[in-house]
Amino acid sequence: MSMVCLTDFEEYAKQHLSKATWDYYAAGADECCTRDDNLLAYKRIRLRPRILRDVSVSDTRTTVLGTEISFPVGIAPTAFHCLAWHEGEMATARATEAVNTCYITSTYSTCSVEEIVAAAPNGYRWFQLYVYRDRKLSEQIVHRVESLGYKALVLTVDVPYTGKRRNDIRNQFKLPPHLKVKNFDGVFQCVPHCCPIQESAGPEEYGIPANTLDPSISWKDVYWLQSLTRLPIIIKGILTKEDAELAVEHGVQGIIVSNHGGRQLDGGPATIDCLSEIVDTVQGRIEVYMDGGIRTGSDVLKAVALGAKCVFIGRPAVWGLAYKGEEGVREVLQILNDEFRLSMALSGCRNVAEINRNLIQFSKL
């Protein structure tokens, strides 16, 4: 089968993954309105191409936090890559290293942060962090990833509680016995009184005990995190200009405009629809990135035109893994890069710096 576009990888993954695994990756919260609108929102945006611009040479390179990447697409933090491919996150890391872009490693990875670094020692990586009721857990992993050479912390702020994903409940989704949340391997299986979160033992939620995440997380925890590390801090999960302003005031280095792939609050806005107001509020003081709904190179072009410094893909990376591991992820990234380069050229842009809001026209309903 010839893989021509990202939808081809989606079809392959749906056919070849188990129902419970496919449902886990595909899940949105409640009625999946926000998940679906992440995709539909791009269809409402039109491009205004400029012509006769000599696009014989094009350059897709850009920078994030001062580091050059091959094009403005990275891998978003998604959990449990070993469900899709036996090498899991190690394969993802090698693919992003080969393509020279950014890979945000999930806290909920089925390979440890050490294994991921060993698999792709020269890769450019950020680490996605949750704050736990037991702060020592979060502290320990911050120190681990900093010592391993991860280049930023991506603090995920939209999960004080886990969204209601109906199919996961119906399927009673659990990690199979041979897989673990490797970054916490052994932490939750110790004898009474030695375990710092012994009170959390009981029902499991996505590989760790339920009620482990801290719902009391607030802006003051950004300062707490800054006291632990010299790594840049990026906040993932902002959807409003008010919170974007607060992020700047709290001294973070970036924002990922994200609704968690529609997996948290259903009925919230599509991320691309939030981007302009956040970019206008930030006014270049910090970098703004985005995830959610990117499926084509023209989607990337639209997001960059509206002010995203880089976009991140979640589900498509998992589809690539399910297809052919490292090679599949590379193919997904290569297709997006080729489509982005073509969309740029057909719109009259020779490099990323020439992409701006003049390229965008919102279609009339």
Protein backbone atom coordinates (compact mmCIF):
# COMPACT_ATOMS: atom_id res chain seq x y z
CA MET A 1 0.00 0.00 0.00
CA SER A 2 1.35 3.39 -1.01
CA MET A 3 1.22 5.88 1.87
CA VAL A 4 0.44 9.21 0.24
CA CYS A 5 -1.00 11.29 3.08
CA LEU A 6 -1.53 11.11 6.83
CA THR A 7 -5.04 9.72 6.39
CA ASP A 8 -3.50 6.59 4.85
CA PHE A 9 -1.57 5.99 8.08
CA GLU A 10 -4.73 6.57 10.10
CA GLU A 11 -6.60 3.93 8.07
CA TYR A 12 -3.74 1.46 8.46
CA ALA A 13 -3.56 1.98 12.23
CA LYS A 14 -7.32 1.59 12.63
CA GLN A 15 -7.21 -1.73 10.77
CA HIS A 16 -4.16 -3.15 12.54
CA LEU A 17 -4.39 -2.01 16.18
CA SER A 18 -6.65 -3.74 18.68
CA LYS A 19 -10.00 -2.05 19.24
CA ALA A 20 -9.11 -0.98 22.79
CA THR A 21 -5.78 0.51 21.66
CA TRP A 22 -7.32 2.28 18.68
CA ASP A 23 -10.11 3.66 20.87
CA TYR A 24 -7.56 4.89 23.42
CA TYR A 25 -5.56 6.83 20.82
CA ALA A 26 -8.66 8.11 18.99
CA ALA A 27 -10.55 9.10 22.14
CA GLY A 28 -12.01 12.50 22.72
CA ALA A 29 -13.90 13.57 25.81
CA ASP A 30 -17.66 13.09 26.06
CA GLU A 31 -19.23 13.63 22.61
CA CYS A 32 -15.87 14.40 20.93
CA CYS A 33 -17.08 17.79 19.65
CA THR A 34 -13.80 19.55 20.43
CA ARG A 35 -11.70 16.68 19.06
CA ASP A 36 -13.58 16.84 15.76
CA ASP A 37 -13.61 20.64 15.61
CA ASN A 38 -9.80 20.65 15.88
CA LEU A 39 -9.89 19.15 12.36
CA LEU A 40 -12.88 21.01 10.94
CA ALA A 41 -11.55 24.43 11.97
CA TYR A 42 -8.77 24.22 9.36
CA LYS A 43 -11.38 23.74 6.63
CA ARG A 44 -12.90 27.11 7.55
CA ILE A 45 -9.61 28.89 6.86
CA ARG A 46 -8.62 29.78 3.30
CA LEU A 47 -5.24 30.77 1.92
CA ARG A 48 -4.56 33.91 -0.17
CA PRO A 49 -1.70 32.83 -2.44
CA ARG A 50 0.70 35.33 -3.99
CA ILE A 51 2.07 34.56 -7.45
CA LEU A 52 5.16 35.25 -9.59
CA ARG A 53 7.44 35.25 -6.55
CA ASP A 54 10.34 33.05 -7.77
CA VAL A 55 9.89 30.02 -5.53
CA SER A 56 12.63 28.02 -7.27
CA VAL A 57 14.47 27.74 -3.94
CA SER A 58 12.64 27.18 -0.66
CA ASP A 59 13.73 26.80 2.95
CA THR A 60 11.48 25.24 5.60
CA ARG A 61 13.88 25.62 8.53
CA THR A 62 12.92 27.53 11.67
CA THR A 63 14.02 27.77 15.31
CA VAL A 64 12.38 26.91 18.63
CA LEU A 65 13.94 28.37 21.78
CA GLY A 66 16.93 29.31 19.60
CA THR A 67 17.56 25.79 18.26
CA GLU A 68 17.23 25.19 14.52
CA ILE A 69 14.84 22.46 13.36
CA SER A 70 14.22 21.28 9.81
CA PHE A 71 10.63 22.52 9.62
CA PRO A 72 8.02 23.86 12.06
CA VAL A 73 6.52 20.50 13.04
CA GLY A 74 7.47 18.46 16.10
CA ILE A 75 6.06 15.49 17.97
CA ALA A 76 3.53 16.26 20.72
CA PRO A 77 3.63 14.33 23.99
CA THR A 78 1.49 11.21 23.58
CA ALA A 79 1.42 8.28 25.97
CA PHE A 80 2.11 4.57 25.57
CA HIS A 81 3.91 4.33 22.20
CA CYS A 82 4.68 0.66 22.89
CA LEU A 83 0.99 -0.07 22.37
CA ALA A 84 1.52 0.85 18.71
CA TRP A 85 5.04 -0.56 18.14
CA HIS A 86 7.27 -2.76 20.27
CA GLU A 87 10.13 -0.22 20.42
CA GLY A 88 7.72 2.56 21.34
CA GLU A 89 9.19 5.93 22.23
CA MET A 90 12.72 4.80 21.31
CA ALA A 91 11.56 4.47 17.69
CA THR A 92 9.85 7.87 17.86
CA ALA A 93 13.00 9.46 19.25
CA ARG A 94 15.17 7.99 16.47
CA ALA A 95 12.76 9.20 13.81
CA THR A 96 12.69 12.78 15.11
CA GLU A 97 16.46 12.79 15.48
CA ALA A 98 16.81 11.66 11.85
CA VAL A 99 14.44 14.36 10.61
CA ASN A 100 16.00 16.97 12.94
CA THR A 101 12.97 18.24 14.75
CA CYS A 102 11.67 18.45 18.33
CA TYR A 103 10.22 15.50 20.23
CA ILE A 104 8.26 16.23 23.42
CA THR A 105 8.54 13.07 25.50
CA SER A 106 5.46 12.18 27.54
CA THR A 107 5.57 11.54 31.27
CA TYR A 108 3.42 8.52 30.41
CA SER A 109 5.96 6.92 28.10
CA THR A 110 6.38 3.15 27.95
CA CYS A 111 10.16 3.59 27.59
CA SER A 112 12.10 5.45 30.28
CA VAL A 113 13.64 8.86 29.67
CA GLU A 114 17.05 7.18 29.92
CA GLU A 115 16.17 4.60 27.24
CA ILE A 116 14.89 7.35 24.95
CA VAL A 117 18.13 9.34 25.25
CA ALA A 118 20.23 6.22 24.66
CA ALA A 119 18.22 5.41 21.52
CA ALA A 120 18.72 8.88 20.00
CA PRO A 121 21.59 10.59 21.81
CA ASN A 122 21.74 13.57 19.46
CA GLY A 123 18.00 14.24 19.33
CA TYR A 124 16.44 17.55 20.36
CA ARG A 125 13.96 16.79 23.16
CA TRP A 126 11.66 18.52 25.58
CA PHE A 127 9.93 16.74 28.47
CA GLN A 128 6.23 16.98 29.24
CA LEU A 129 5.55 17.21 32.97
CA TYR A 130 2.53 16.70 35.19
CA VAL A 131 2.40 17.87 38.79
CA TYR A 132 1.57 15.13 41.27
CA ARG A 133 0.07 15.31 44.73
CA ASP A 134 3.43 14.02 45.92
CA ARG A 135 5.69 16.81 44.67
CA LYS A 136 8.78 14.67 45.21
CA LEU A 137 7.72 12.56 42.22
CA SER A 138 7.65 15.62 39.99
CA GLU A 139 10.89 16.96 41.47
CA GLN A 140 12.73 13.70 40.87
CA ILE A 141 11.75 13.47 37.23
CA VAL A 142 12.63 17.15 36.62
CA HIS A 143 16.15 16.49 37.92
CA ARG A 144 16.41 13.29 35.88
CA VAL A 145 15.50 14.89 32.57
CA GLU A 146 17.66 17.95 33.20
CA SER A 147 20.69 15.75 33.86
CA LEU A 148 19.91 13.75 30.69
CA GLY A 149 20.03 16.82 28.45
CA TYR A 150 16.36 17.48 27.80
CA LYS A 151 16.14 21.12 26.70
CA ALA A 152 12.81 22.32 28.16
CA LEU A 153 9.96 21.35 30.46
CA VAL A 154 6.45 21.36 29.04
CA LEU A 155 4.11 21.79 31.99
CA THR A 156 0.71 20.36 31.10
CA VAL A 157 -1.95 22.40 32.91
CA ASP A 158 -5.30 21.20 31.53
CA VAL A 159 -5.60 17.95 33.50
CA PRO A 160 -6.55 18.72 37.12
CA TYR A 161 -8.81 15.73 36.53
CA THR A 162 -8.89 13.32 33.60
CA GLY A 163 -11.59 13.99 30.99
CA LYS A 164 -14.36 11.43 30.49
CA ARG A 165 -13.36 9.27 27.53
CA ARG A 166 -16.36 7.04 27.04
CA ASN A 167 -14.80 4.24 25.01
CA ASP A 168 -11.94 3.85 27.47
CA ILE A 169 -14.55 3.36 30.21
CA ARG A 170 -16.53 0.89 28.09
CA ASN A 171 -13.36 -1.02 27.18
CA GLN A 172 -12.06 -0.84 30.78
CA PHE A 173 -8.80 0.30 29.21
CA LYS A 174 -5.64 -0.82 30.98
CA LEU A 175 -2.05 -1.20 29.93
CA PRO A 176 -1.29 -4.86 29.13
CA PRO A 177 0.77 -6.61 31.84
CA HIS A 178 4.03 -6.47 29.85
CA LEU A 179 3.94 -2.64 29.61
CA LYS A 180 4.46 -0.03 32.31
CA VAL A 181 4.69 3.73 32.72
CA LYS A 182 8.45 3.28 32.72
CA ASN A 183 9.39 6.61 34.28
CA PHE A 184 7.65 5.48 37.48
CA ASP A 185 8.63 1.82 37.32
CA GLY A 186 8.64 0.46 40.87
CA VAL A 187 7.43 3.68 42.49
CA PHE A 188 3.89 2.44 43.00
CA GLN A 189 4.69 -1.18 43.86
CA CYS A 190 6.54 -0.82 47.13
CA VAL A 191 5.74 -2.14 50.59
CA PRO A 192 3.53 -0.17 53.00
CA HIS A 193 5.04 2.90 54.71
CA CYS A 194 7.99 3.24 52.34
CA CYS A 195 5.89 4.51 49.45
CA PRO A 196 5.46 8.30 49.42
CA ILE A 197 2.01 8.03 47.83
CA GLN A 198 0.80 4.87 49.53
CA GLU A 199 -2.59 6.50 50.02
CA SER A 200 -3.05 6.59 46.24
CA ALA A 201 -2.89 2.81 45.88
CA GLY A 202 -6.09 1.28 44.59
CA PRO A 203 -7.85 1.77 41.25
CA GLU A 204 -5.52 2.40 38.35
CA GLU A 205 -5.94 5.18 35.79
CA TYR A 206 -3.81 5.06 32.64
CA GLY A 207 -1.03 3.02 34.18
CA ILE A 208 -0.65 4.68 37.59
CA PRO A 209 -2.87 4.82 40.69
CA ALA A 210 -5.97 6.99 40.35
CA ASN A 211 -5.97 10.42 42.03
CA THR A 212 -2.21 10.82 41.70
CA LEU A 213 -2.38 14.08 39.72
CA ASP A 214 -2.71 17.22 41.84
CA PRO A 215 -5.93 19.17 41.13
CA SER A 216 -4.75 22.04 43.35
CA ILE A 217 -2.10 23.07 40.81
CA SER A 218 -2.08 26.86 40.32
CA TRP A 219 0.07 29.67 38.95
CA LYS A 220 2.23 29.62 42.09
CA ASP A 221 3.45 26.19 40.98
CA VAL A 222 5.15 27.81 38.00
CA TYR A 223 7.39 29.62 40.49
CA TRP A 224 7.93 26.35 42.37
CA LEU A 225 9.02 24.69 39.14
CA GLN A 226 11.35 27.59 38.30
CA SER A 227 12.98 27.12 41.71
CA LEU A 228 13.82 23.50 40.83
CA THR A 229 15.40 23.92 37.42
CA ARG A 230 17.21 26.17 35.00
CA LEU A 231 15.37 24.62 32.05
CA PRO A 232 12.98 26.83 30.08
CA ILE A 233 9.35 26.24 31.03
CA ILE A 234 6.61 26.01 28.42
CA ILE A 235 2.97 25.85 29.47
CA LYS A 236 0.79 23.46 27.48
CA GLY A 237 -2.96 23.82 27.61
CA ILE A 238 -3.65 27.56 27.28
CA LEU A 239 -6.69 28.58 25.20
CA THR A 240 -7.40 32.20 26.23
CA LYS A 241 -5.68 35.58 26.00
CA GLU A 242 -6.17 36.07 29.76
CA ASP A 243 -4.13 32.97 30.60
CA ALA A 244 -1.58 33.83 27.91
CA GLU A 245 -0.97 37.16 29.65
CA LEU A 246 -0.61 35.42 33.01
CA ALA A 247 1.89 33.01 31.47
CA VAL A 248 4.03 35.92 30.28
CA GLU A 249 3.77 37.59 33.69
CA HIS A 250 4.96 34.38 35.36
CA GLY A 251 8.14 34.32 33.29
CA VAL A 252 7.66 31.20 31.19
CA GLN A 253 9.45 30.85 27.85
CA GLY A 254 6.60 29.54 25.73
CA ILE A 255 2.96 28.52 25.39
CA ILE A 256 1.51 25.52 23.59
CA VAL A 257 -2.03 26.39 22.57
CA SER A 258 -3.67 23.04 23.22
CA ASN A 259 -6.96 21.42 24.22
CA HIS A 260 -5.27 18.06 24.81
CA GLY A 261 -6.47 16.74 21.45
CA GLY A 262 -10.07 17.23 22.58
CA ARG A 263 -9.55 14.68 25.37
CA GLN A 264 -10.28 16.96 28.33
CA LEU A 265 -13.03 19.63 28.18
CA ASP A 266 -15.54 18.87 25.46
CA GLY A 267 -17.17 22.00 24.06
CA GLY A 268 -14.01 24.08 24.24
CA PRO A 269 -12.68 25.79 21.11
CA ALA A 270 -10.51 24.34 18.37
CA THR A 271 -6.89 25.29 18.98
CA ILE A 272 -6.39 27.03 15.61
CA ASP A 273 -9.36 29.29 16.48
CA CYS A 274 -7.61 30.39 19.70
CA LEU A 275 -4.23 31.05 18.16
CA SER A 276 -4.65 34.63 16.88
CA GLU A 277 -5.86 36.14 20.16
CA ILE A 278 -3.02 34.49 22.06
CA VAL A 279 -0.38 35.59 19.55
CA ASP A 280 -1.80 39.15 19.64
CA THR A 281 -1.69 39.18 23.44
CA VAL A 282 1.83 37.79 23.72
CA GLN A 283 3.21 40.19 21.06
CA GLY A 284 6.45 38.29 20.63
CA ARG A 285 7.45 38.36 24.30
CA ILE A 286 7.50 34.54 24.39
CA GLU A 287 7.14 31.87 21.71
CA VAL A 288 3.71 30.45 20.90
CA TYR A 289 3.26 26.90 19.60
CA MET A 290 0.14 24.86 18.89
CA ASP A 291 -1.12 21.30 18.65
CA GLY A 292 -4.41 19.70 17.62
CA GLY A 293 -5.81 18.76 14.23
CA ILE A 294 -2.72 19.10 12.04
CA ARG A 295 -3.13 16.61 9.18
CA THR A 296 -1.62 18.31 6.09
CA GLY A 297 1.18 20.64 5.12
CA SER A 298 -1.34 23.38 4.39
CA ASP A 299 -2.62 23.03 7.99
CA VAL A 300 0.95 23.74 9.12
CA LEU A 301 1.12 26.75 6.80
CA LYS A 302 -2.14 28.14 8.18
CA ALA A 303 -0.97 27.76 11.79
CA VAL A 304 2.40 29.41 11.09
CA ALA A 305 0.65 32.22 9.19
CA LEU A 306 -1.52 32.85 12.26
CA GLY A 307 1.55 33.13 14.46
CA ALA A 308 2.54 29.66 15.65
CA LYS A 309 6.32 29.29 15.84
CA CYS A 310 5.94 25.52 15.52
CA VAL A 311 3.12 22.98 15.61
CA PHE A 312 3.12 19.54 17.21
CA ILE A 313 1.42 16.35 16.02
CA GLY A 314 0.14 13.65 18.36
CA ARG A 315 -2.09 10.99 16.83
CA PRO A 316 -0.37 11.00 13.38
CA ALA A 317 2.94 10.06 15.03
CA VAL A 318 1.26 7.06 16.67
CA TRP A 319 -0.26 6.04 13.31
CA GLY A 320 3.24 6.15 11.81
CA LEU A 321 4.52 3.93 14.61
CA ALA A 322 1.70 1.45 14.07
CA TYR A 323 2.56 1.30 10.36
CA LYS A 324 6.30 0.71 10.53
CA GLY A 325 7.88 1.95 13.75
CA GLU A 326 10.72 4.44 13.32
CA GLU A 327 10.41 4.32 9.55
CA GLY A 328 6.68 5.04 9.76
CA VAL A 329 7.18 8.11 11.97
CA ARG A 330 9.86 9.34 9.56
CA GLU A 331 7.46 8.89 6.66
CA VAL A 332 4.72 10.85 8.44
CA LEU A 333 7.13 13.70 9.15
CA GLN A 334 8.56 13.60 5.61
CA ILE A 335 5.11 13.75 4.04
CA LEU A 336 4.20 16.75 6.21
CA ASN A 337 7.50 18.43 5.34
CA ASP A 338 7.00 17.87 1.61
CA GLU A 339 3.40 19.09 1.76
CA PHE A 340 4.41 22.14 3.80
CA ARG A 341 7.17 23.02 1.31
CA LEU A 342 4.72 22.66 -1.59
CA SER A 343 2.01 24.73 0.14
CA MET A 344 4.60 27.43 0.89
CA ALA A 345 5.73 27.56 -2.73
CA LEU A 346 2.19 27.59 -4.13
CA SER A 347 1.37 30.45 -1.75
CA GLY A 348 4.44 32.43 -2.84
CA CYS A 349 6.57 31.93 0.29
CA ARG A 350 10.25 31.08 -0.09
CA ASN A 351 11.01 30.67 3.61
CA VAL A 352 9.24 30.58 6.94
CA ALA A 353 9.95 34.27 7.62
CA GLU A 354 7.78 35.20 4.61
CA ILE A 355 4.72 33.44 6.05
CA ASN A 356 2.39 35.92 7.72
CA ARG A 357 -1.25 36.70 8.41
CA ASN A 358 -1.75 38.31 5.01
CA LEU A 359 -1.85 34.73 3.71
CA ILE A 360 -5.06 33.97 5.64
CA GLN A 361 -8.68 34.52 4.73
CA PHE A 362 -11.44 33.21 6.97
CA SER A 363 -14.25 31.75 4.86
CA LYS A 364 -17.72 33.21 5.20
CA LEU A 365 -20.23 30.82 6.73
